[in-house]
């Protein structure tokens, strides 16, 4: 077994041990994968996404450009899940873009703690729920619902 195969299998094994949300997201139609190609885990996710037929996008040098040019149009029109392996800083910026664009994020699950990773974020973000989907009871002038 060469180093590349070892790294790929190690990361996929770690992902298999991750919470069910990540495995479910990989099988959910409309899911997009976001990865950092400078990370071994990111490259493994990209390879797995390619085998699974999921669109996968490298964060490259600018997560903002990726969000506004590619991810935001898809998420705004169709909602869906974003899964990813990125540096923690890119994960933070991405969640801020989503919150700003969508107004609400239904689920943000950083599963890195379960993978004992300190420098990267392995995440599932559900962008399907928008603010108008959340119902709130309005009170009239008397305080009645």
N, C-alpha and C. Protein backbone atom coordinates (compact mmCIF):
# COMPACT_ATOMS: atom_id res chain seq x y z
N UNK A 1 0.85 -1.17 0.00
CA UNK A 1 0.00 0.00 0.00
C UNK A 1 0.90 1.23 0.00
N UNK A 2 0.63 2.15 -0.91
CA UNK A 2 1.43 3.37 -0.96
C UNK A 2 0.85 4.43 0.00
N UNK A 3 1.58 5.50 0.15
CA UNK A 3 1.20 6.55 1.10
C UNK A 3 -0.17 7.15 0.75
N UNK A 4 -0.40 7.40 -0.53
CA UNK A 4 -1.67 8.00 -0.96
C UNK A 4 -2.86 7.10 -0.60
N UNK A 5 -2.73 5.83 -0.89
CA UNK A 5 -3.81 4.89 -0.57
C UNK A 5 -4.03 4.82 0.94
N UNK A 6 -2.93 4.81 1.69
CA UNK A 6 -3.04 4.78 3.15
C UNK A 6 -3.79 6.00 3.67
N UNK A 7 -3.42 7.18 3.18
CA UNK A 7 -4.09 8.41 3.63
C UNK A 7 -5.57 8.41 3.25
N UNK A 8 -5.85 8.01 2.02
CA UNK A 8 -7.24 7.98 1.56
C UNK A 8 -8.07 7.04 2.40
N UNK A 9 -7.56 5.84 2.61
CA UNK A 9 -8.31 4.86 3.40
C UNK A 9 -8.45 5.30 4.86
N UNK A 10 -7.42 5.93 5.40
CA UNK A 10 -7.49 6.40 6.79
C UNK A 10 -8.57 7.46 6.95
N UNK A 11 -8.62 8.39 6.02
CA UNK A 11 -9.61 9.46 6.12
C UNK A 11 -11.01 8.92 5.91
N UNK A 12 -11.18 8.02 4.95
CA UNK A 12 -12.50 7.45 4.71
C UNK A 12 -12.95 6.61 5.91
N UNK A 13 -12.02 5.92 6.54
CA UNK A 13 -12.36 5.17 7.74
C UNK A 13 -12.80 6.12 8.85
N UNK A 14 -12.08 7.22 9.01
CA UNK A 14 -12.46 8.21 10.03
C UNK A 14 -13.83 8.79 9.72
N UNK A 15 -14.09 9.06 8.45
CA UNK A 15 -15.41 9.60 8.06
C UNK A 15 -16.51 8.59 8.31
N UNK A 16 -16.20 7.31 8.11
CA UNK A 16 -17.19 6.27 8.36
C UNK A 16 -17.56 6.19 9.83
N UNK A 17 -16.63 6.57 10.69
CA UNK A 17 -16.88 6.56 12.13
C UNK A 17 -17.52 7.85 12.61
N UNK A 18 -17.67 8.80 11.72
CA UNK A 18 -18.26 10.10 12.07
C UNK A 18 -19.75 9.92 12.33
N UNK A 19 -20.38 10.94 12.90
CA UNK A 19 -21.82 10.86 13.18
C UNK A 19 -22.62 10.56 11.91
N UNK A 20 -23.79 9.97 12.08
CA UNK A 20 -24.61 9.60 10.93
C UNK A 20 -24.97 10.77 10.02
N UNK A 21 -24.98 11.99 10.53
CA UNK A 21 -25.34 13.14 9.70
C UNK A 21 -24.42 13.27 8.49
N UNK A 22 -23.13 13.00 8.68
CA UNK A 22 -22.18 13.13 7.57
C UNK A 22 -22.43 12.04 6.53
N UNK A 23 -22.63 10.81 6.97
CA UNK A 23 -22.90 9.71 6.04
C UNK A 23 -24.22 9.95 5.31
N UNK A 24 -25.22 10.43 6.02
CA UNK A 24 -26.51 10.73 5.40
C UNK A 24 -26.37 11.83 4.36
N UNK A 25 -25.60 12.85 4.67
CA UNK A 25 -25.40 13.96 3.74
C UNK A 25 -24.76 13.50 2.44
N UNK A 26 -23.86 12.54 2.53
CA UNK A 26 -23.20 12.04 1.32
C UNK A 26 -24.20 11.36 0.39
N UNK A 27 -25.28 10.84 0.95
CA UNK A 27 -26.29 10.13 0.14
C UNK A 27 -27.47 11.02 -0.24
N UNK A 28 -27.53 12.23 0.27
CA UNK A 28 -28.67 13.12 0.03
C UNK A 28 -28.52 13.84 -1.30
N UNK A 29 -29.57 13.78 -2.09
CA UNK A 29 -29.57 14.45 -3.39
C UNK A 29 -29.42 15.96 -3.21
N UNK A 30 -28.61 16.58 -4.05
CA UNK A 30 -28.42 18.02 -3.99
C UNK A 30 -27.30 18.47 -3.06
N UNK A 31 -26.63 17.53 -2.43
CA UNK A 31 -25.53 17.88 -1.53
C UNK A 31 -24.33 18.36 -2.34
N UNK A 32 -23.68 19.40 -1.85
CA UNK A 32 -22.44 19.90 -2.44
C UNK A 32 -21.30 19.66 -1.46
N UNK A 33 -20.14 19.31 -1.98
CA UNK A 33 -18.96 19.10 -1.14
C UNK A 33 -18.00 20.28 -1.33
N UNK A 34 -17.45 20.75 -0.22
CA UNK A 34 -16.46 21.83 -0.22
C UNK A 34 -15.23 21.28 0.47
N UNK A 35 -14.08 21.43 -0.17
CA UNK A 35 -12.86 20.85 0.40
C UNK A 35 -11.67 21.76 0.16
N UNK A 36 -10.64 21.55 0.95
CA UNK A 36 -9.38 22.26 0.81
C UNK A 36 -8.38 21.25 0.26
N UNK A 37 -7.92 21.46 -0.96
CA UNK A 37 -7.04 20.49 -1.61
C UNK A 37 -5.64 20.45 -1.01
N UNK A 38 -5.32 21.38 -0.12
CA UNK A 38 -4.02 21.33 0.54
C UNK A 38 -4.03 20.37 1.73
N UNK A 39 -5.21 19.88 2.09
CA UNK A 39 -5.35 18.94 3.21
C UNK A 39 -5.59 17.53 2.69
N UNK A 40 -4.93 16.55 3.28
CA UNK A 40 -5.13 15.16 2.87
C UNK A 40 -6.59 14.76 3.01
N UNK A 41 -7.23 15.18 4.11
CA UNK A 41 -8.64 14.86 4.31
C UNK A 41 -9.52 15.50 3.24
N UNK A 42 -9.15 16.70 2.83
CA UNK A 42 -9.89 17.39 1.78
C UNK A 42 -9.80 16.67 0.45
N UNK A 43 -8.59 16.24 0.10
CA UNK A 43 -8.42 15.49 -1.16
C UNK A 43 -9.18 14.17 -1.12
N UNK A 44 -9.19 13.52 0.04
CA UNK A 44 -9.93 12.26 0.16
C UNK A 44 -11.43 12.50 0.00
N UNK A 45 -11.93 13.59 0.58
CA UNK A 45 -13.35 13.92 0.41
C UNK A 45 -13.65 14.18 -1.06
N UNK A 46 -12.79 14.91 -1.74
CA UNK A 46 -13.00 15.20 -3.16
C UNK A 46 -13.05 13.91 -3.98
N UNK A 47 -12.16 12.98 -3.69
CA UNK A 47 -12.15 11.70 -4.42
C UNK A 47 -13.43 10.92 -4.13
N UNK A 48 -13.83 10.89 -2.87
CA UNK A 48 -15.05 10.17 -2.51
C UNK A 48 -16.28 10.83 -3.14
N UNK A 49 -16.31 12.15 -3.15
CA UNK A 49 -17.42 12.87 -3.77
C UNK A 49 -17.48 12.57 -5.26
N UNK A 50 -16.33 12.52 -5.91
CA UNK A 50 -16.30 12.21 -7.35
C UNK A 50 -16.85 10.82 -7.61
N UNK A 51 -16.46 9.86 -6.78
CA UNK A 51 -16.97 8.49 -6.94
C UNK A 51 -18.46 8.41 -6.67
N UNK A 52 -18.96 9.28 -5.78
CA UNK A 52 -20.38 9.28 -5.42
C UNK A 52 -21.22 10.14 -6.35
N UNK A 53 -20.58 10.87 -7.25
CA UNK A 53 -21.30 11.74 -8.16
C UNK A 53 -21.72 13.07 -7.56
N UNK A 54 -21.11 13.46 -6.44
CA UNK A 54 -21.43 14.75 -5.82
C UNK A 54 -20.57 15.85 -6.43
N UNK A 55 -21.14 17.01 -6.70
CA UNK A 55 -20.31 18.14 -7.11
C UNK A 55 -19.39 18.54 -5.95
N UNK A 56 -18.12 18.73 -6.24
CA UNK A 56 -17.14 19.09 -5.20
C UNK A 56 -16.38 20.32 -5.65
N UNK A 57 -16.14 21.22 -4.70
CA UNK A 57 -15.49 22.49 -5.01
C UNK A 57 -14.34 22.73 -4.05
N UNK A 58 -13.18 23.04 -4.62
CA UNK A 58 -12.00 23.37 -3.83
C UNK A 58 -12.12 24.81 -3.35
N UNK A 59 -11.79 25.05 -2.09
CA UNK A 59 -11.85 26.41 -1.55
C UNK A 59 -10.84 27.32 -2.22
N UNK A 60 -9.76 26.75 -2.71
CA UNK A 60 -8.74 27.56 -3.37
C UNK A 60 -8.19 28.61 -2.43
N UNK A 61 -7.87 29.75 -2.99
CA UNK A 61 -7.27 30.82 -2.19
C UNK A 61 -8.31 31.74 -1.57
N UNK A 62 -9.57 31.66 -2.05
CA UNK A 62 -10.57 32.64 -1.61
C UNK A 62 -11.93 31.98 -1.44
N UNK A 63 -12.28 31.65 -0.20
CA UNK A 63 -13.58 31.04 0.08
C UNK A 63 -14.72 31.98 -0.28
N UNK A 64 -14.49 33.28 -0.17
CA UNK A 64 -15.51 34.27 -0.51
C UNK A 64 -15.88 34.22 -1.98
N UNK A 65 -14.88 34.14 -2.83
CA UNK A 65 -15.14 34.05 -4.28
C UNK A 65 -15.91 32.77 -4.60
N UNK A 66 -15.53 31.66 -3.97
CA UNK A 66 -16.25 30.40 -4.19
C UNK A 66 -17.70 30.53 -3.73
N UNK A 67 -17.91 31.14 -2.58
CA UNK A 67 -19.28 31.28 -2.07
C UNK A 67 -20.14 32.11 -3.02
N UNK A 68 -19.69 33.31 -3.35
CA UNK A 68 -20.53 34.21 -4.14
C UNK A 68 -20.67 33.79 -5.60
N UNK A 69 -19.64 33.20 -6.18
CA UNK A 69 -19.71 32.82 -7.60
C UNK A 69 -20.38 31.48 -7.84
N UNK A 70 -20.24 30.55 -6.91
CA UNK A 70 -20.68 29.18 -7.17
C UNK A 70 -21.68 28.65 -6.16
N UNK A 71 -21.33 28.69 -4.89
CA UNK A 71 -22.16 28.04 -3.88
C UNK A 71 -23.44 28.80 -3.58
N UNK A 72 -23.37 30.11 -3.40
CA UNK A 72 -24.55 30.90 -3.03
C UNK A 72 -25.69 30.77 -4.04
N UNK A 73 -25.42 30.90 -5.35
CA UNK A 73 -26.53 30.76 -6.30
C UNK A 73 -27.25 29.41 -6.17
N UNK A 74 -26.48 28.34 -5.98
CA UNK A 74 -27.08 27.01 -5.83
C UNK A 74 -27.89 26.92 -4.54
N UNK A 75 -27.30 27.37 -3.44
CA UNK A 75 -27.95 27.26 -2.13
C UNK A 75 -29.20 28.12 -2.06
N UNK A 76 -29.15 29.33 -2.61
CA UNK A 76 -30.31 30.22 -2.56
C UNK A 76 -31.46 29.64 -3.38
N UNK A 77 -31.17 29.07 -4.54
CA UNK A 77 -32.22 28.52 -5.40
C UNK A 77 -32.74 27.18 -4.91
N UNK A 78 -31.85 26.31 -4.45
CA UNK A 78 -32.24 24.93 -4.18
C UNK A 78 -32.12 24.51 -2.72
N UNK A 79 -31.46 25.30 -1.89
CA UNK A 79 -31.22 24.86 -0.52
C UNK A 79 -30.27 23.68 -0.53
N UNK A 80 -30.45 22.77 0.38
CA UNK A 80 -29.64 21.56 0.39
C UNK A 80 -28.56 21.57 1.44
N UNK A 81 -27.69 20.59 1.32
CA UNK A 81 -26.63 20.39 2.29
C UNK A 81 -25.28 20.74 1.71
N UNK A 82 -24.43 21.29 2.54
CA UNK A 82 -23.02 21.46 2.22
C UNK A 82 -22.25 20.57 3.18
N UNK A 83 -21.36 19.75 2.64
CA UNK A 83 -20.47 18.99 3.49
C UNK A 83 -19.07 19.44 3.16
N UNK A 84 -18.17 19.30 4.09
CA UNK A 84 -16.83 19.76 3.75
C UNK A 84 -15.76 19.39 4.73
N UNK A 85 -14.55 19.54 4.22
CA UNK A 85 -13.33 19.44 5.01
C UNK A 85 -12.48 20.64 4.61
N UNK A 86 -12.38 21.58 5.52
CA UNK A 86 -11.62 22.81 5.26
C UNK A 86 -10.82 23.17 6.50
N UNK A 87 -10.03 24.19 6.36
CA UNK A 87 -9.38 24.75 7.54
C UNK A 87 -10.46 25.41 8.39
N UNK A 88 -10.21 25.47 9.68
CA UNK A 88 -11.21 26.05 10.59
C UNK A 88 -11.56 27.49 10.20
N UNK A 89 -10.59 28.25 9.74
CA UNK A 89 -10.86 29.64 9.36
C UNK A 89 -11.82 29.70 8.18
N UNK A 90 -11.65 28.82 7.19
CA UNK A 90 -12.58 28.80 6.05
C UNK A 90 -13.97 28.36 6.49
N UNK A 91 -14.04 27.41 7.42
CA UNK A 91 -15.33 26.98 7.94
C UNK A 91 -16.05 28.15 8.60
N UNK A 92 -15.33 28.91 9.42
CA UNK A 92 -15.93 30.06 10.09
C UNK A 92 -16.45 31.07 9.08
N UNK A 93 -15.63 31.41 8.09
CA UNK A 93 -16.03 32.39 7.08
C UNK A 93 -17.24 31.88 6.30
N UNK A 94 -17.23 30.61 5.92
CA UNK A 94 -18.34 30.03 5.18
C UNK A 94 -19.64 30.11 5.98
N UNK A 95 -19.60 29.79 7.26
CA UNK A 95 -20.82 29.87 8.06
C UNK A 95 -21.32 31.31 8.19
N UNK A 96 -20.41 32.27 8.21
CA UNK A 96 -20.82 33.67 8.27
C UNK A 96 -21.48 34.09 6.96
N UNK A 97 -20.93 33.66 5.83
CA UNK A 97 -21.54 33.96 4.53
C UNK A 97 -22.94 33.37 4.45
N UNK A 98 -23.08 32.12 4.91
CA UNK A 98 -24.38 31.46 4.85
C UNK A 98 -25.39 32.19 5.72
N UNK A 99 -25.00 32.52 6.93
CA UNK A 99 -25.92 33.22 7.84
C UNK A 99 -26.32 34.58 7.26
N UNK A 100 -25.37 35.28 6.65
CA UNK A 100 -25.66 36.59 6.07
C UNK A 100 -26.58 36.46 4.85
N UNK A 101 -26.32 35.49 4.00
CA UNK A 101 -27.08 35.32 2.76
C UNK A 101 -28.46 34.72 3.02
N UNK A 102 -28.50 33.68 3.85
CA UNK A 102 -29.74 32.95 4.06
C UNK A 102 -30.57 33.52 5.20
N UNK A 103 -29.94 34.20 6.12
CA UNK A 103 -30.66 34.71 7.27
C UNK A 103 -30.82 33.69 8.38
N UNK A 104 -30.70 32.42 8.05
CA UNK A 104 -30.80 31.36 9.05
C UNK A 104 -30.13 30.11 8.52
N UNK A 105 -29.60 29.35 9.40
CA UNK A 105 -29.01 28.06 9.03
C UNK A 105 -29.62 27.02 9.95
N UNK A 106 -30.21 26.00 9.37
CA UNK A 106 -30.93 25.01 10.16
C UNK A 106 -30.00 24.14 10.98
N UNK A 107 -28.89 23.74 10.42
CA UNK A 107 -27.99 22.83 11.11
C UNK A 107 -26.58 23.18 10.74
N UNK A 108 -25.76 23.39 11.72
CA UNK A 108 -24.32 23.51 11.50
C UNK A 108 -23.71 22.48 12.42
N UNK A 109 -23.11 21.48 11.87
CA UNK A 109 -22.51 20.45 12.70
C UNK A 109 -21.06 20.28 12.32
N UNK A 110 -20.18 20.77 13.17
CA UNK A 110 -18.74 20.58 12.98
C UNK A 110 -18.40 19.29 13.70
N UNK A 111 -18.10 18.25 12.94
CA UNK A 111 -17.84 16.94 13.54
C UNK A 111 -16.36 16.70 13.78
N UNK A 112 -15.56 17.73 13.71
CA UNK A 112 -14.11 17.59 13.87
C UNK A 112 -13.74 17.01 15.22
N UNK A 113 -14.47 17.37 16.25
CA UNK A 113 -14.11 16.86 17.58
C UNK A 113 -14.16 15.34 17.61
N UNK A 114 -15.11 14.75 16.90
CA UNK A 114 -15.21 13.30 16.91
C UNK A 114 -14.08 12.65 16.11
N UNK A 115 -13.41 13.43 15.26
CA UNK A 115 -12.31 12.90 14.47
C UNK A 115 -10.96 13.30 15.05
N UNK A 116 -10.96 13.95 16.18
CA UNK A 116 -9.74 14.37 16.88
C UNK A 116 -8.85 15.24 16.00
N UNK A 117 -9.45 16.11 15.23
CA UNK A 117 -8.71 17.01 14.36
C UNK A 117 -8.62 18.38 15.02
N UNK A 118 -7.46 19.00 14.96
CA UNK A 118 -7.31 20.30 15.59
C UNK A 118 -7.23 21.44 14.58
N UNK A 119 -6.77 21.18 13.38
CA UNK A 119 -6.54 22.23 12.39
C UNK A 119 -7.64 22.31 11.33
N UNK A 120 -8.45 21.27 11.21
CA UNK A 120 -9.44 21.24 10.15
C UNK A 120 -10.84 21.14 10.72
N UNK A 121 -11.82 21.47 9.89
CA UNK A 121 -13.23 21.31 10.24
C UNK A 121 -13.86 20.34 9.26
N UNK A 122 -14.51 19.33 9.77
CA UNK A 122 -15.30 18.39 8.98
C UNK A 122 -16.74 18.73 9.32
N UNK A 123 -17.53 19.14 8.35
CA UNK A 123 -18.83 19.71 8.70
C UNK A 123 -19.94 19.31 7.76
N UNK A 124 -21.16 19.46 8.28
CA UNK A 124 -22.40 19.33 7.52
C UNK A 124 -23.20 20.59 7.83
N UNK A 125 -23.64 21.30 6.80
CA UNK A 125 -24.46 22.49 6.99
C UNK A 125 -25.72 22.32 6.16
N UNK A 126 -26.87 22.46 6.80
CA UNK A 126 -28.16 22.35 6.12
C UNK A 126 -28.63 23.75 5.77
N UNK A 127 -28.75 24.02 4.49
CA UNK A 127 -29.17 25.35 4.02
C UNK A 127 -30.60 25.34 3.51
N UNK A 128 -31.36 24.30 3.82
CA UNK A 128 -32.70 24.16 3.27
C UNK A 128 -33.73 25.01 4.01
N UNK A 129 -33.52 25.29 5.28
CA UNK A 129 -34.51 26.06 6.04
C UNK A 129 -34.17 27.53 5.97
N UNK A 130 -35.12 28.29 5.50
CA UNK A 130 -34.96 29.74 5.38
C UNK A 130 -35.83 30.41 6.43
N UNK A 131 -35.60 31.69 6.70
CA UNK A 131 -36.38 32.37 7.74
C UNK A 131 -37.88 32.28 7.53
N UNK A 132 -38.35 32.33 6.29
CA UNK A 132 -39.80 32.29 6.08
C UNK A 132 -40.39 30.92 6.41
N UNK A 133 -39.53 29.90 6.52
CA UNK A 133 -40.01 28.57 6.88
C UNK A 133 -40.24 28.43 8.39
N UNK A 134 -39.69 29.36 9.14
CA UNK A 134 -39.82 29.30 10.59
C UNK A 134 -41.04 30.11 10.99
N UNK A 135 -42.02 29.46 11.59
CA UNK A 135 -43.24 30.18 11.97
C UNK A 135 -43.11 30.67 13.40
N UNK A 136 -43.55 31.87 13.61
CA UNK A 136 -43.55 32.47 14.94
C UNK A 136 -44.97 32.95 15.23
N UNK A 137 -45.38 32.74 16.46
CA UNK A 137 -46.69 33.26 16.86
C UNK A 137 -46.56 34.75 17.10
N UNK A 138 -47.46 35.50 16.53
CA UNK A 138 -47.46 36.94 16.74
C UNK A 138 -48.51 37.29 17.78
N UNK A 139 -48.15 38.18 18.62
CA UNK A 139 -49.06 38.60 19.69
C UNK A 139 -49.76 39.90 19.28
N UNK A 140 -51.02 39.97 19.64
CA UNK A 140 -51.74 41.21 19.36
C UNK A 140 -51.47 42.21 20.48
N UNK A 141 -52.16 43.35 20.45
CA UNK A 141 -51.91 44.42 21.41
C UNK A 141 -52.17 43.99 22.85
N UNK A 142 -53.05 43.00 23.05
CA UNK A 142 -53.36 42.53 24.39
C UNK A 142 -52.38 41.45 24.88
N UNK A 143 -51.45 41.06 24.03
CA UNK A 143 -50.48 40.03 24.42
C UNK A 143 -50.97 38.62 24.16
N UNK A 144 -52.08 38.49 23.41
CA UNK A 144 -52.61 37.16 23.10
C UNK A 144 -51.98 36.64 21.83
N UNK A 145 -51.79 35.34 21.78
CA UNK A 145 -51.19 34.71 20.59
C UNK A 145 -52.24 34.50 19.52
